[in-house]
Amino acid sequence: MGLRRPKFIISALPLPPVLKKPIEDFKSAFVNLALPLFTFSEPQPPASQTAVVKGEEWKWSAWDRIDIEGDLTLREFLKYMEEQFGLEVSMLSHGVSLLHSSLTSRKNIELRMPMRLSEVVGLVTKKPVPEGKKFLILEVICMDVEGGDDVEVPYVRLRIK
């Protein structure tokens, strides 16, 4: 009987935003039994970005998002972004589908404004939103209402159910 090697290794990824512990408390290890190689490292926080929203500095990272409750109409969504963040949405997309843009024809804009965002997604993708889907993930490109500068913001998670 020879030496038996394990066929798998159980690993776990640290979730600092969920656990709310300092990132320094976590260690990461990689084991490759074929070489043999053992590597240890300390995870780094994600890169953060800074945006100026309503005259105040806002730092966010890839771990952040904007949560919005309710299946808003396109008009309500645009108004919400303007009132809450002082931002004008110049482009709104879901996956690869462009839902709203300042370059969209006036006819399409007027048609979509009173529609719920889940209906707009169904119209543009030509597939209805699945029944069990609770959230829509939306990417937005915004401009500052006052200065007209482009402002990067995290993705929007819209609760539709």
C-alpha atoms as a PDB file:
ATOM      1  CA  MET A   1       0.000   0.000   0.000  1.00  0.00           C
ATOM      2  CA  GLY A   2       1.400   3.338  -1.060  1.00  0.00           C
ATOM      3  CA  LEU A   3       0.796   6.836   0.152  1.00  0.00           C
ATOM      4  CA  ARG A   4      -2.720   7.980  -0.586  1.00  0.00           C
ATOM      5  CA  ARG A   5      -3.206  11.586  -1.653  1.00  0.00           C
ATOM      6  CA  PRO A   6      -6.392  13.504  -1.023  1.00  0.00           C
ATOM      7  CA  LYS A   7      -8.464  14.025  -4.146  1.00  0.00           C
ATOM      8  CA  PHE A   8      -9.782  17.431  -3.097  1.00  0.00           C
ATOM      9  CA  ILE A   9      -9.049  20.267  -0.752  1.00  0.00           C
ATOM     10  CA  ILE A  10     -11.777  22.184   1.008  1.00  0.00           C
ATOM     11  CA  SER A  11     -11.300  25.935   0.869  1.00  0.00           C
ATOM     12  CA  ALA A  12     -13.285  28.918   2.018  1.00  0.00           C
ATOM     13  CA  LEU A  13     -13.212  32.490   0.799  1.00  0.00           C
ATOM     14  CA  PRO A  14     -13.226  35.223   3.420  1.00  0.00           C
ATOM     15  CA  LEU A  15     -16.167  37.612   3.172  1.00  0.00           C
ATOM     16  CA  PRO A  16     -15.017  40.756   4.993  1.00  0.00           C
ATOM     17  CA  PRO A  17     -18.067  42.898   4.093  1.00  0.00           C
ATOM     18  CA  VAL A  18     -20.402  40.246   5.502  1.00  0.00           C
ATOM     19  CA  LEU A  19     -18.403  39.447   8.609  1.00  0.00           C
ATOM     20  CA  LYS A  20     -17.540  43.092   9.405  1.00  0.00           C
ATOM     21  CA  LYS A  21     -14.067  42.195  10.687  1.00  0.00           C
ATOM     22  CA  PRO A  22     -10.915  44.107   9.821  1.00  0.00           C
ATOM     23  CA  ILE A  23      -9.321  42.729   6.693  1.00  0.00           C
ATOM     24  CA  GLU A  24      -6.042  42.288   8.581  1.00  0.00           C
ATOM     25  CA  ASP A  25      -7.678  39.429  10.537  1.00  0.00           C
ATOM     26  CA  PHE A  26      -7.870  37.269   7.398  1.00  0.00           C
ATOM     27  CA  LYS A  27      -5.208  35.125   5.789  1.00  0.00           C
ATOM     28  CA  SER A  28      -5.322  33.285   2.490  1.00  0.00           C
ATOM     29  CA  ALA A  29      -3.554  30.017   1.693  1.00  0.00           C
ATOM     30  CA  PHE A  30      -3.018  28.166  -1.573  1.00  0.00           C
ATOM     31  CA  VAL A  31      -1.844  24.552  -1.631  1.00  0.00           C
ATOM     32  CA  ASN A  32      -0.724  22.686  -4.740  1.00  0.00           C
ATOM     33  CA  LEU A  33       0.181  19.113  -3.787  1.00  0.00           C
ATOM     34  CA  ALA A  34       1.488  18.272  -7.252  1.00  0.00           C
ATOM     35  CA  LEU A  35       4.460  20.663  -7.001  1.00  0.00           C
ATOM     36  CA  PRO A  36       4.539  20.768  -3.710  1.00  0.00           C
ATOM     37  CA  LEU A  37       3.725  24.438  -3.202  1.00  0.00           C
ATOM     38  CA  PHE A  38       2.329  26.194  -0.160  1.00  0.00           C
ATOM     39  CA  THR A  39       1.609  29.928  -0.490  1.00  0.00           C
ATOM     40  CA  PHE A  40       0.259  32.250   2.158  1.00  0.00           C
ATOM     41  CA  SER A  41      -0.915  35.807   1.605  1.00  0.00           C
ATOM     42  CA  GLU A  42      -3.010  38.549   3.125  1.00  0.00           C
ATOM     43  CA  PRO A  43      -6.004  39.836   1.160  1.00  0.00           C
ATOM     44  CA  GLN A  44      -6.089  43.478   0.150  1.00  0.00           C
ATOM     45  CA  PRO A  45      -9.154  45.709   0.276  1.00  0.00           C
ATOM     46  CA  PRO A  46     -10.755  46.476  -3.097  1.00  0.00           C
ATOM     47  CA  ALA A  47      -9.724  49.614  -4.923  1.00  0.00           C
ATOM     48  CA  SER A  48     -11.991  52.495  -4.010  1.00  0.00           C
ATOM     49  CA  GLN A  49     -13.252  55.284  -6.199  1.00  0.00           C
ATOM     50  CA  THR A  50     -14.235  58.770  -5.221  1.00  0.00           C
ATOM     51  CA  ALA A  51     -17.162  60.723  -6.605  1.00  0.00           C
ATOM     52  CA  VAL A  52     -18.486  64.141  -5.680  1.00  0.00           C
ATOM     53  CA  VAL A  53     -22.234  63.895  -5.111  1.00  0.00           C
ATOM     54  CA  LYS A  54     -24.251  66.932  -4.038  1.00  0.00           C
ATOM     55  CA  GLY A  55     -21.014  68.726  -3.164  1.00  0.00           C
ATOM     56  CA  GLU A  56     -19.814  65.957  -0.834  1.00  0.00           C
ATOM     57  CA  GLU A  57     -17.095  63.372  -1.433  1.00  0.00           C
ATOM     58  CA  TRP A  58     -18.411  59.796  -1.709  1.00  0.00           C
ATOM     59  CA  LYS A  59     -15.979  56.866  -1.570  1.00  0.00           C
ATOM     60  CA  TRP A  60     -17.165  53.523  -2.906  1.00  0.00           C
ATOM     61  CA  SER A  61     -15.659  50.210  -4.037  1.00  0.00           C
ATOM     62  CA  ALA A  62     -16.627  47.157  -6.083  1.00  0.00           C
ATOM     63  CA  TRP A  63     -18.286  45.787  -2.919  1.00  0.00           C
ATOM     64  CA  ASP A  64     -20.788  48.655  -2.837  1.00  0.00           C
ATOM     65  CA  ARG A  65     -24.092  49.095  -4.647  1.00  0.00           C
ATOM     66  CA  ILE A  66     -27.120  51.366  -4.669  1.00  0.00           C
ATOM     67  CA  ASP A  67     -30.208  49.525  -3.359  1.00  0.00           C
ATOM     68  CA  ILE A  68     -33.639  50.754  -4.440  1.00  0.00           C
ATOM     69  CA  GLU A  69     -36.892  49.220  -3.241  1.00  0.00           C
ATOM     70  CA  GLY A  70     -39.852  48.770  -5.580  1.00  0.00           C
ATOM     71  CA  ASP A  71     -40.353  48.339  -9.303  1.00  0.00           C
ATOM     72  CA  LEU A  72     -40.189  52.022 -10.228  1.00  0.00           C
ATOM     73  CA  THR A  73     -41.212  53.493 -13.534  1.00  0.00           C
ATOM     74  CA  LEU A  74     -38.394  54.813 -15.672  1.00  0.00           C
ATOM     75  CA  ARG A  75     -39.525  58.376 -14.883  1.00  0.00           C
ATOM     76  CA  GLU A  76     -39.549  57.659 -11.120  1.00  0.00           C
ATOM     77  CA  PHE A  77     -36.085  56.075 -11.332  1.00  0.00           C
ATOM     78  CA  LEU A  78     -34.588  59.076 -13.139  1.00  0.00           C
ATOM     79  CA  LYS A  79     -36.229  61.439 -10.641  1.00  0.00           C
ATOM     80  CA  TYR A  80     -34.967  59.341  -7.689  1.00  0.00           C
ATOM     81  CA  MET A  81     -31.371  59.482  -8.944  1.00  0.00           C
ATOM     82  CA  GLU A  82     -31.648  63.246  -9.389  1.00  0.00           C
ATOM     83  CA  GLU A  83     -33.226  63.909  -5.976  1.00  0.00           C
ATOM     84  CA  GLN A  84     -31.125  61.481  -3.914  1.00  0.00           C
ATOM     85  CA  PHE A  85     -27.743  61.947  -5.564  1.00  0.00           C
ATOM     86  CA  GLY A  86     -28.030  65.109  -7.678  1.00  0.00           C
ATOM     87  CA  LEU A  87     -27.214  63.049 -10.775  1.00  0.00           C
ATOM     88  CA  GLU A  88     -28.745  62.982 -14.226  1.00  0.00           C
ATOM     89  CA  VAL A  89     -28.767  59.488 -15.745  1.00  0.00           C
ATOM     90  CA  SER A  90     -27.380  59.727 -19.268  1.00  0.00           C
ATOM     91  CA  MET A  91     -27.386  55.973 -19.900  1.00  0.00           C
ATOM     92  CA  LEU A  92     -29.132  53.036 -18.193  1.00  0.00           C
ATOM     93  CA  SER A  93     -28.505  49.409 -19.088  1.00  0.00           C
ATOM     94  CA  HIS A  94     -29.415  45.913 -17.918  1.00  0.00           C
ATOM     95  CA  GLY A  95     -26.822  43.361 -19.028  1.00  0.00           C
ATOM     96  CA  VAL A  96     -26.110  44.129 -22.684  1.00  0.00           C
ATOM     97  CA  SER A  97     -29.475  45.849 -23.230  1.00  0.00           C
ATOM     98  CA  LEU A  98     -29.634  49.640 -23.321  1.00  0.00           C
ATOM     99  CA  LEU A  99     -32.830  50.710 -21.520  1.00  0.00           C
ATOM    100  CA  HIS A 100     -32.433  54.489 -21.619  1.00  0.00           C
ATOM    101  CA  SER A 101     -30.021  56.902 -23.222  1.00  0.00           C
ATOM    102  CA  SER A 102     -29.934  60.572 -23.988  1.00  0.00           C
ATOM    103  CA  LEU A 103     -29.378  59.500 -27.622  1.00  0.00           C
ATOM    104  CA  THR A 104     -32.564  57.373 -27.756  1.00  0.00           C
ATOM    105  CA  SER A 105     -35.293  58.677 -30.048  1.00  0.00           C
ATOM    106  CA  ARG A 106     -37.871  60.968 -28.418  1.00  0.00           C
ATOM    107  CA  LYS A 107     -40.635  58.491 -29.390  1.00  0.00           C
ATOM    108  CA  ASN A 108     -38.968  55.614 -27.497  1.00  0.00           C
ATOM    109  CA  ILE A 109     -38.250  57.810 -24.475  1.00  0.00           C
ATOM    110  CA  GLU A 110     -41.903  58.915 -24.260  1.00  0.00           C
ATOM    111  CA  LEU A 111     -43.058  55.300 -24.648  1.00  0.00           C
ATOM    112  CA  ARG A 112     -40.787  53.982 -21.873  1.00  0.00           C
ATOM    113  CA  MET A 113     -41.091  56.785 -19.278  1.00  0.00           C
ATOM    114  CA  PRO A 114     -44.417  55.590 -17.741  1.00  0.00           C
ATOM    115  CA  MET A 115     -43.408  51.900 -17.885  1.00  0.00           C
ATOM    116  CA  ARG A 116     -42.064  49.965 -14.894  1.00  0.00           C
ATOM    117  CA  LEU A 117     -38.378  49.085 -15.251  1.00  0.00           C
ATOM    118  CA  SER A 118     -39.195  45.361 -15.324  1.00  0.00           C
ATOM    119  CA  GLU A 119     -41.530  46.076 -18.275  1.00  0.00           C
ATOM    120  CA  VAL A 120     -38.834  48.132 -20.027  1.00  0.00           C
ATOM    121  CA  VAL A 121     -36.385  45.229 -19.596  1.00  0.00           C
ATOM    122  CA  GLY A 122     -38.960  42.848 -21.101  1.00  0.00           C
ATOM    123  CA  LEU A 123     -39.633  45.233 -23.995  1.00  0.00           C
ATOM    124  CA  VAL A 124     -35.975  45.822 -24.862  1.00  0.00           C
ATOM    125  CA  THR A 125     -34.723  42.237 -24.372  1.00  0.00           C
ATOM    126  CA  LYS A 126     -37.869  40.774 -25.981  1.00  0.00           C
ATOM    127  CA  LYS A 127     -38.055  38.322 -23.045  1.00  0.00           C
ATOM    128  CA  PRO A 128     -40.189  38.867 -19.952  1.00  0.00           C
ATOM    129  CA  VAL A 129     -38.463  39.053 -16.599  1.00  0.00           C
ATOM    130  CA  PRO A 130     -38.666  35.560 -15.008  1.00  0.00           C
ATOM    131  CA  GLU A 131     -41.403  35.178 -12.368  1.00  0.00           C
ATOM    132  CA  GLY A 132     -39.074  34.275  -9.490  1.00  0.00           C
ATOM    133  CA  LYS A 133     -36.578  37.079 -10.116  1.00  0.00           C
ATOM    134  CA  LYS A 134     -36.413  39.449  -7.139  1.00  0.00           C
ATOM    135  CA  PHE A 135     -33.826  41.964  -8.328  1.00  0.00           C
ATOM    136  CA  LEU A 136     -32.746  43.748 -11.483  1.00  0.00           C
ATOM    137  CA  ILE A 137     -29.097  44.729 -11.764  1.00  0.00           C
ATOM    138  CA  LEU A 138     -28.739  48.039 -13.563  1.00  0.00           C
ATOM    139  CA  GLU A 139     -25.607  49.849 -14.708  1.00  0.00           C
ATOM    140  CA  VAL A 140     -25.840  53.629 -14.878  1.00  0.00           C
ATOM    141  CA  ILE A 141     -23.728  56.362 -16.381  1.00  0.00           C
ATOM    142  CA  CYS A 142     -24.478  59.667 -14.716  1.00  0.00           C
ATOM    143  CA  MET A 143     -23.648  63.340 -14.955  1.00  0.00           C
ATOM    144  CA  ASP A 144     -23.603  65.869 -12.147  1.00  0.00           C
ATOM    145  CA  VAL A 145     -26.707  68.071 -12.493  1.00  0.00           C
ATOM    146  CA  GLU A 146     -24.876  71.218 -11.402  1.00  0.00           C
ATOM    147  CA  GLY A 147     -21.501  70.859 -13.128  1.00  0.00           C
ATOM    148  CA  GLY A 148     -22.285  68.501 -15.999  1.00  0.00           C
ATOM    149  CA  ASP A 149     -19.255  66.319 -15.180  1.00  0.00           C
ATOM    150  CA  ASP A 150     -19.391  62.537 -15.594  1.00  0.00           C
ATOM    151  CA  VAL A 151     -19.736  60.774 -12.228  1.00  0.00           C
ATOM    152  CA  GLU A 152     -18.968  57.081 -11.711  1.00  0.00           C
ATOM    153  CA  VAL A 153     -21.357  55.293  -9.374  1.00  0.00           C
ATOM    154  CA  PRO A 154     -21.711  51.653  -8.312  1.00  0.00           C
ATOM    155  CA  TYR A 155     -24.306  49.421  -9.925  1.00  0.00           C
ATOM    156  CA  VAL A 156     -27.963  49.689  -8.905  1.00  0.00           C
ATOM    157  CA  ARG A 157     -29.838  46.727  -7.440  1.00  0.00           C
ATOM    158  CA  LEU A 158     -33.563  47.286  -7.904  1.00  0.00           C
ATOM    159  CA  ARG A 159     -35.869  45.082  -5.812  1.00  0.00           C
ATOM    160  CA  ILE A 160     -38.869  44.279  -8.002  1.00  0.00           C
ATOM    161  CA  LYS A 161     -40.603  41.749  -5.716  1.00  0.00           C
END
